[in-house]
PDB file of N, CA and C in Angstrom:
ATOM      1  N   MET A   1     -63.869  -7.514 -73.906  1.00  0.00           N
ATOM      2  CA  MET A   1     -62.347  -7.689 -73.766  1.00  0.00           C
ATOM      3  C   MET A   1     -62.358  -8.862 -73.331  1.00  0.00           C
ATOM      4  N   GLU A   2     -62.926  -9.384 -72.472  1.00  0.00           N
ATOM      5  CA  GLU A   2     -63.071 -10.977 -71.951  1.00  0.00           C
ATOM      6  C   GLU A   2     -63.060 -11.562 -73.047  1.00  0.00           C
ATOM      7  N   ARG A   3     -63.890 -11.657 -74.151  1.00  0.00           N
ATOM      8  CA  ARG A   3     -64.275 -12.463 -75.363  1.00  0.00           C
ATOM      9  C   ARG A   3     -62.971 -12.218 -76.279  1.00  0.00           C
ATOM     10  N   LEU A   4     -62.244 -10.967 -76.394  1.00  0.00           N
ATOM     11  CA  LEU A   4     -61.194 -11.164 -77.146  1.00  0.00           C
ATOM     12  C   LEU A   4     -59.953 -11.960 -76.351  1.00  0.00           C
ATOM     13  N   ILE A   5     -60.016 -12.022 -74.820  1.00  0.00           N
ATOM     14  CA  ILE A   5     -58.701 -12.636 -74.454  1.00  0.00           C
ATOM     15  C   ILE A   5     -59.244 -14.179 -74.328  1.00  0.00           C
ATOM     16  N   GLU A   6     -60.758 -14.763 -74.420  1.00  0.00           N
ATOM     17  CA  GLU A   6     -60.850 -16.202 -74.251  1.00  0.00           C
ATOM     18  C   GLU A   6     -60.480 -16.481 -75.902  1.00  0.00           C
ATOM     19  N   ASN A   7     -60.607 -15.558 -76.888  1.00  0.00           N
ATOM     20  CA  ASN A   7     -60.653 -15.829 -78.233  1.00  0.00           C
ATOM     21  C   ASN A   7     -59.073 -16.386 -78.554  1.00  0.00           C
ATOM     22  N   VAL A   8     -58.063 -15.438 -78.023  1.00  0.00           N
ATOM     23  CA  VAL A   8     -56.827 -15.391 -78.068  1.00  0.00           C
ATOM     24  C   VAL A   8     -56.394 -16.714 -77.430  1.00  0.00           C
ATOM     25  N   LYS A   9     -56.647 -16.667 -76.233  1.00  0.00           N
ATOM     26  CA  LYS A   9     -56.100 -18.157 -75.597  1.00  0.00           C
ATOM     27  C   LYS A   9     -56.640 -19.351 -76.141  1.00  0.00           C
ATOM     28  N   ALA A  10     -57.672 -19.282 -77.142  1.00  0.00           N
ATOM     29  CA  ALA A  10     -58.089 -20.785 -77.968  1.00  0.00           C
ATOM     30  C   ALA A  10     -57.478 -20.990 -79.114  1.00  0.00           C
ATOM     31  N   MET A  11     -56.693 -20.153 -79.392  1.00  0.00           N
ATOM     32  CA  MET A  11     -56.044 -20.165 -80.862  1.00  0.00           C
ATOM     33  C   MET A  11     -54.703 -21.088 -80.610  1.00  0.00           C
ATOM     34  N   ASP A  12     -54.348 -22.079 -81.236  1.00  0.00           N
ATOM     35  CA  ASP A  12     -53.435 -23.325 -81.200  1.00  0.00           C
ATOM     36  C   ASP A  12     -52.185 -22.400 -81.535  1.00  0.00           C
ATOM     37  N   GLY A  13     -51.373 -22.754 -80.743  1.00  0.00           N
ATOM     38  CA  GLY A  13     -50.082 -21.891 -80.233  1.00  0.00           C
ATOM     39  C   GLY A  13     -49.774 -20.490 -79.759  1.00  0.00           C
ATOM     40  N   MET A  14     -51.090 -19.858 -79.672  1.00  0.00           N
ATOM     41  CA  MET A  14     -50.706 -18.809 -78.764  1.00  0.00           C
ATOM     42  C   MET A  14     -50.735 -18.770 -77.339  1.00  0.00           C
ATOM     43  N   TRP A  15     -49.782 -17.981 -77.148  1.00  0.00           N
ATOM     44  CA  TRP A  15     -49.399 -17.793 -75.448  1.00  0.00           C
ATOM     45  C   TRP A  15     -49.919 -16.626 -74.807  1.00  0.00           C
ATOM     46  N   ALA A  16     -50.898 -16.819 -74.127  1.00  0.00           N
ATOM     47  CA  ALA A  16     -51.239 -15.611 -73.471  1.00  0.00           C
ATOM     48  C   ALA A  16     -51.560 -15.702 -72.226  1.00  0.00           C
ATOM     49  N   THR A  17     -50.293 -14.995 -71.464  1.00  0.00           N
ATOM     50  CA  THR A  17     -49.632 -14.800 -70.073  1.00  0.00           C
ATOM     51  C   THR A  17     -49.647 -13.509 -69.711  1.00  0.00           C
ATOM     52  N   THR A  18     -49.220 -13.315 -68.279  1.00  0.00           N
ATOM     53  CA  THR A  18     -48.666 -12.014 -67.903  1.00  0.00           C
ATOM     54  C   THR A  18     -47.270 -11.654 -68.066  1.00  0.00           C
ATOM     55  N   LEU A  19     -47.020 -10.407 -67.963  1.00  0.00           N
ATOM     56  CA  LEU A  19     -45.559  -9.708 -68.407  1.00  0.00           C
ATOM     57  C   LEU A  19     -44.692 -10.401 -67.093  1.00  0.00           C
ATOM     58  N   GLY A  20     -45.174 -10.656 -66.162  1.00  0.00           N
ATOM     59  CA  GLY A  20     -44.061 -11.254 -65.003  1.00  0.00           C
ATOM     60  C   GLY A  20     -43.885 -12.435 -65.580  1.00  0.00           C
ATOM     61  N   ASP A  21     -44.647 -13.764 -66.039  1.00  0.00           N
ATOM     62  CA  ASP A  21     -44.162 -15.019 -66.698  1.00  0.00           C
ATOM     63  C   ASP A  21     -43.586 -14.489 -67.920  1.00  0.00           C
ATOM     64  N   ILE A  22     -43.766 -13.892 -68.538  1.00  0.00           N
ATOM     65  CA  ILE A  22     -42.787 -13.216 -70.051  1.00  0.00           C
ATOM     66  C   ILE A  22     -41.614 -13.230 -69.203  1.00  0.00           C
ATOM     67  N   ALA A  23     -41.457 -12.250 -68.523  1.00  0.00           N
ATOM     68  CA  ALA A  23     -39.915 -11.599 -68.324  1.00  0.00           C
ATOM     69  C   ALA A  23     -39.482 -13.074 -67.638  1.00  0.00           C
ATOM     70  N   ALA A  24     -39.888 -13.795 -66.795  1.00  0.00           N
ATOM     71  CA  ALA A  24     -39.094 -15.410 -66.180  1.00  0.00           C
ATOM     72  C   ALA A  24     -38.879 -16.129 -67.423  1.00  0.00           C
ATOM     73  N   HIS A  25     -39.625 -16.240 -68.514  1.00  0.00           N
ATOM     74  CA  HIS A  25     -39.531 -17.375 -69.491  1.00  0.00           C
ATOM     75  C   HIS A  25     -38.118 -16.327 -69.916  1.00  0.00           C
ATOM     76  N   ALA A  26     -38.290 -15.365 -70.383  1.00  0.00           N
ATOM     77  CA  ALA A  26     -37.228 -14.706 -71.178  1.00  0.00           C
ATOM     78  C   ALA A  26     -35.645 -14.505 -70.299  1.00  0.00           C
ATOM     79  N   GLN A  27     -35.698 -14.549 -69.082  1.00  0.00           N
ATOM     80  CA  GLN A  27     -34.673 -14.338 -68.339  1.00  0.00           C
ATOM     81  C   GLN A  27     -34.094 -16.091 -68.011  1.00  0.00           C
ATOM     82  N   ARG A  28     -35.257 -17.039 -68.357  1.00  0.00           N
ATOM     83  CA  ARG A  28     -34.589 -18.388 -68.083  1.00  0.00           C
ATOM     84  C   ARG A  28     -33.424 -18.785 -69.557  1.00  0.00           C
ATOM     85  N   VAL A  29     -34.550 -18.243 -70.623  1.00  0.00           N
ATOM     86  CA  VAL A  29     -33.907 -18.906 -72.163  1.00  0.00           C
ATOM     87  C   VAL A  29     -33.147 -17.505 -72.964  1.00  0.00           C
ATOM     88  N   CYS A  30     -32.995 -16.884 -72.563  1.00  0.00           N
ATOM     89  CA  CYS A  30     -32.235 -16.026 -73.317  1.00  0.00           C
ATOM     90  C   CYS A  30     -31.298 -15.645 -72.790  1.00  0.00           C
ATOM     91  N   THR A  31     -30.106 -16.543 -72.869  1.00  0.00           N
ATOM     92  CA  THR A  31     -28.728 -16.526 -72.164  1.00  0.00           C
ATOM     93  C   THR A  31     -27.808 -15.563 -73.082  1.00  0.00           C
ATOM     94  N   GLU A  32     -27.777 -15.160 -74.592  1.00  0.00           N
ATOM     95  CA  GLU A  32     -27.020 -14.553 -75.179  1.00  0.00           C
ATOM     96  C   GLU A  32     -27.734 -13.773 -76.051  1.00  0.00           C
ATOM     97  N   PRO A  33     -27.518 -12.478 -75.899  1.00  0.00           N
ATOM     98  CA  PRO A  33     -28.037 -11.284 -76.201  1.00  0.00           C
ATOM     99  C   PRO A  33     -28.222 -11.175 -78.098  1.00  0.00           C
ATOM    100  N   PHE A  34     -28.902 -10.928 -78.398  1.00  0.00           N
ATOM    101  CA  PHE A  34     -29.295 -10.946 -80.008  1.00  0.00           C
ATOM    102  C   PHE A  34     -29.705  -9.498 -80.547  1.00  0.00           C
ATOM    103  N   VAL A  35     -29.079  -8.638 -81.417  1.00  0.00           N
ATOM    104  CA  VAL A  35     -29.500  -7.476 -81.925  1.00  0.00           C
ATOM    105  C   VAL A  35     -29.801  -7.537 -83.254  1.00  0.00           C
ATOM    106  N   HIS A  36     -31.204  -7.318 -83.353  1.00  0.00           N
ATOM    107  CA  HIS A  36     -31.867  -7.293 -84.989  1.00  0.00           C
ATOM    108  C   HIS A  36     -31.422  -6.067 -85.704  1.00  0.00           C
ATOM    109  N   THR A  37     -31.525  -6.056 -87.193  1.00  0.00           N
ATOM    110  CA  THR A  37     -31.158  -5.295 -88.023  1.00  0.00           C
ATOM    111  C   THR A  37     -32.175  -4.258 -88.032  1.00  0.00           C
ATOM    112  N   ARG A  38     -31.898  -2.902 -88.222  1.00  0.00           N
ATOM    113  CA  ARG A  38     -33.109  -2.041 -87.926  1.00  0.00           C
ATOM    114  C   ARG A  38     -33.223  -1.603 -89.336  1.00  0.00           C
ATOM    115  N   PHE A  39     -34.696  -1.538 -89.772  1.00  0.00           N
ATOM    116  CA  PHE A  39     -35.183  -1.365 -91.065  1.00  0.00           C
ATOM    117  C   PHE A  39     -36.116   0.397 -90.822  1.00  0.00           C
ATOM    118  N   GLU A  40     -35.405   1.209 -91.511  1.00  0.00           N
ATOM    119  CA  GLU A  40     -36.245   2.191 -91.521  1.00  0.00           C
ATOM    120  C   GLU A  40     -36.932   2.756 -92.603  1.00  0.00           C
ATOM    121  N   VAL A  41     -38.386   2.702 -92.532  1.00  0.00           N
ATOM    122  CA  VAL A  41     -39.265   2.398 -93.509  1.00  0.00           C
ATOM    123  C   VAL A  41     -39.871   4.230 -93.659  1.00  0.00           C
ATOM    124  N   PRO A  42     -39.277   4.837 -94.228  1.00  0.00           N
ATOM    125  CA  PRO A  42     -39.855   6.228 -94.376  1.00  0.00           C
ATOM    126  C   PRO A  42     -41.636   6.190 -95.143  1.00  0.00           C
ATOM    127  N   THR A  43     -41.947   7.430 -94.881  1.00  0.00           N
ATOM    128  CA  THR A  43     -43.465   7.752 -95.589  1.00  0.00           C
ATOM    129  C   THR A  43     -43.414   8.250 -97.250  1.00  0.00           C
ATOM    130  N   PHE A  44     -44.216   7.974 -97.525  1.00  0.00           N
ATOM    131  CA  PHE A  44     -44.361   8.225 -99.122  1.00  0.00           C
ATOM    132  C   PHE A  44     -44.170   9.760 -99.259  1.00  0.00           C
ATOM    133  N   PRO A  45     -43.430  10.230 -99.881  1.00  0.00           N
ATOM    134  CA  PRO A  45     -42.971   9.909-101.444  1.00  0.00           C
ATOM    135  C   PRO A  45     -41.571   8.976-101.303  1.00  0.00           C
ATOM    136  N   ASP A  46     -41.053   9.483-100.283  1.00  0.00           N
ATOM    137  CA  ASP A  46     -39.736   8.571 -99.846  1.00  0.00           C
ATOM    138  C   ASP A  46     -39.902   7.274 -99.496  1.00  0.00           C
ATOM    139  N   VAL A  47     -40.060   6.665-100.467  1.00  0.00           N
ATOM    140  CA  VAL A  47     -40.205   5.101-100.444  1.00  0.00           C
ATOM    141  C   VAL A  47     -39.147   4.012-100.018  1.00  0.00           C
ATOM    142  N   GLN A  48     -37.976   4.554-100.404  1.00  0.00           N
ATOM    143  CA  GLN A  48     -36.292   3.858-100.318  1.00  0.00           C
ATOM    144  C   GLN A  48     -37.024   3.233 -98.828  1.00  0.00           C
ATOM    145  N   ILE A  49     -36.467   1.995 -98.477  1.00  0.00           N
ATOM    146  CA  ILE A  49     -36.161   1.391 -97.373  1.00  0.00           C
ATOM    147  C   ILE A  49     -34.656   1.109 -97.100  1.00  0.00           C
ATOM    148  N   ARG A  50     -34.183   1.570 -95.842  1.00  0.00           N
ATOM    149  CA  ARG A  50     -32.872   1.722 -95.731  1.00  0.00           C
ATOM    150  C   ARG A  50     -32.566   0.602 -94.675  1.00  0.00           C
ATOM    151  N   ARG A  51     -31.696   0.012 -94.562  1.00  0.00           N
ATOM    152  CA  ARG A  51     -31.206  -0.981 -93.661  1.00  0.00           C
ATOM    153  C   ARG A  51     -30.020  -0.811 -92.862  1.00  0.00           C
ATOM    154  N   THR A  52     -30.010  -0.786 -91.555  1.00  0.00           N
ATOM    155  CA  THR A  52     -28.970  -0.427 -90.819  1.00  0.00           C
ATOM    156  C   THR A  52     -28.673  -1.880 -89.686  1.00  0.00           C
ATOM    157  N   SER A  53     -27.366  -1.976 -89.954  1.00  0.00           N
ATOM    158  CA  SER A  53     -26.358  -3.297 -89.091  1.00  0.00           C
ATOM    159  C   SER A  53     -26.590  -2.715 -87.718  1.00  0.00           C
ATOM    160  N   PRO A  54     -26.634  -3.184 -86.697  1.00  0.00           N
ATOM    161  CA  PRO A  54     -26.190  -2.811 -85.351  1.00  0.00           C
ATOM    162  C   PRO A  54     -24.443  -2.736 -85.271  1.00  0.00           C
ATOM    163  N   ALA A  55     -24.153  -1.649 -84.946  1.00  0.00           N
ATOM    164  CA  ALA A  55     -22.608  -1.493 -84.560  1.00  0.00           C
ATOM    165  C   ALA A  55     -22.094  -2.497 -83.915  1.00  0.00           C
ATOM    166  N   PRO A  56     -20.898  -3.137 -84.442  1.00  0.00           N
ATOM    167  CA  PRO A  56     -20.313  -4.123 -83.368  1.00  0.00           C
ATOM    168  C   PRO A  56     -20.351  -3.827 -81.645  1.00  0.00           C
ATOM    169  N   GLU A  57     -20.270  -2.776 -81.581  1.00  0.00           N
ATOM    170  CA  GLU A  57     -19.809  -2.304 -79.914  1.00  0.00           C
ATOM    171  C   GLU A  57     -21.153  -2.279 -79.464  1.00  0.00           C
ATOM    172  N   THR A  58     -22.208  -2.343 -80.088  1.00  0.00           N
ATOM    173  CA  THR A  58     -23.718  -2.455 -79.233  1.00  0.00           C
ATOM    174  C   THR A  58     -23.990  -3.971 -78.708  1.00  0.00           C
ATOM    175  N   VAL A  59     -23.506  -4.830 -79.815  1.00  0.00           N
ATOM    176  CA  VAL A  59     -23.420  -6.127 -79.055  1.00  0.00           C
ATOM    177  C   VAL A  59     -23.021  -6.750 -78.308  1.00  0.00           C
ATOM    178  N   ARG A  60     -23.392  -6.727 -77.022  1.00  0.00           N
ATOM    179  CA  ARG A  60     -22.500  -7.141 -75.800  1.00  0.00           C
ATOM    180  C   ARG A  60     -23.312  -7.782 -74.643  1.00  0.00           C
ATOM    181  N   SER A  61     -22.671  -8.920 -74.059  1.00  0.00           N
ATOM    182  CA  SER A  61     -23.536  -9.621 -73.290  1.00  0.00           C
ATOM    183  C   SER A  61     -23.386  -8.938 -71.982  1.00  0.00           C
ATOM    184  N   GLU A  62     -24.727  -8.718 -71.197  1.00  0.00           N
ATOM    185  CA  GLU A  62     -24.696  -8.464 -70.057  1.00  0.00           C
ATOM    186  C   GLU A  62     -24.182  -9.205 -68.689  1.00  0.00           C
ATOM    187  N   ARG A  63     -23.855 -10.670 -68.766  1.00  0.00           N
ATOM    188  CA  ARG A  63     -23.604 -11.448 -67.908  1.00  0.00           C
ATOM    189  C   ARG A  63     -22.368 -11.788 -68.145  1.00  0.00           C
TER     190      ARG A  63
END
């Protein structure tokens, strides 16, 4: 496990840190909520991918 962590840390552009650091960073930089489109990917044989846009009432600011 230590070798895996060291390999990840050595990758250019990779950010390996604690969840606490990630939460603090997100709180500083995420000032507006963003809701992603949901993609439902069913299993074979029903292979039609369905895209669902978020309902406008679910996009709201907590601040």
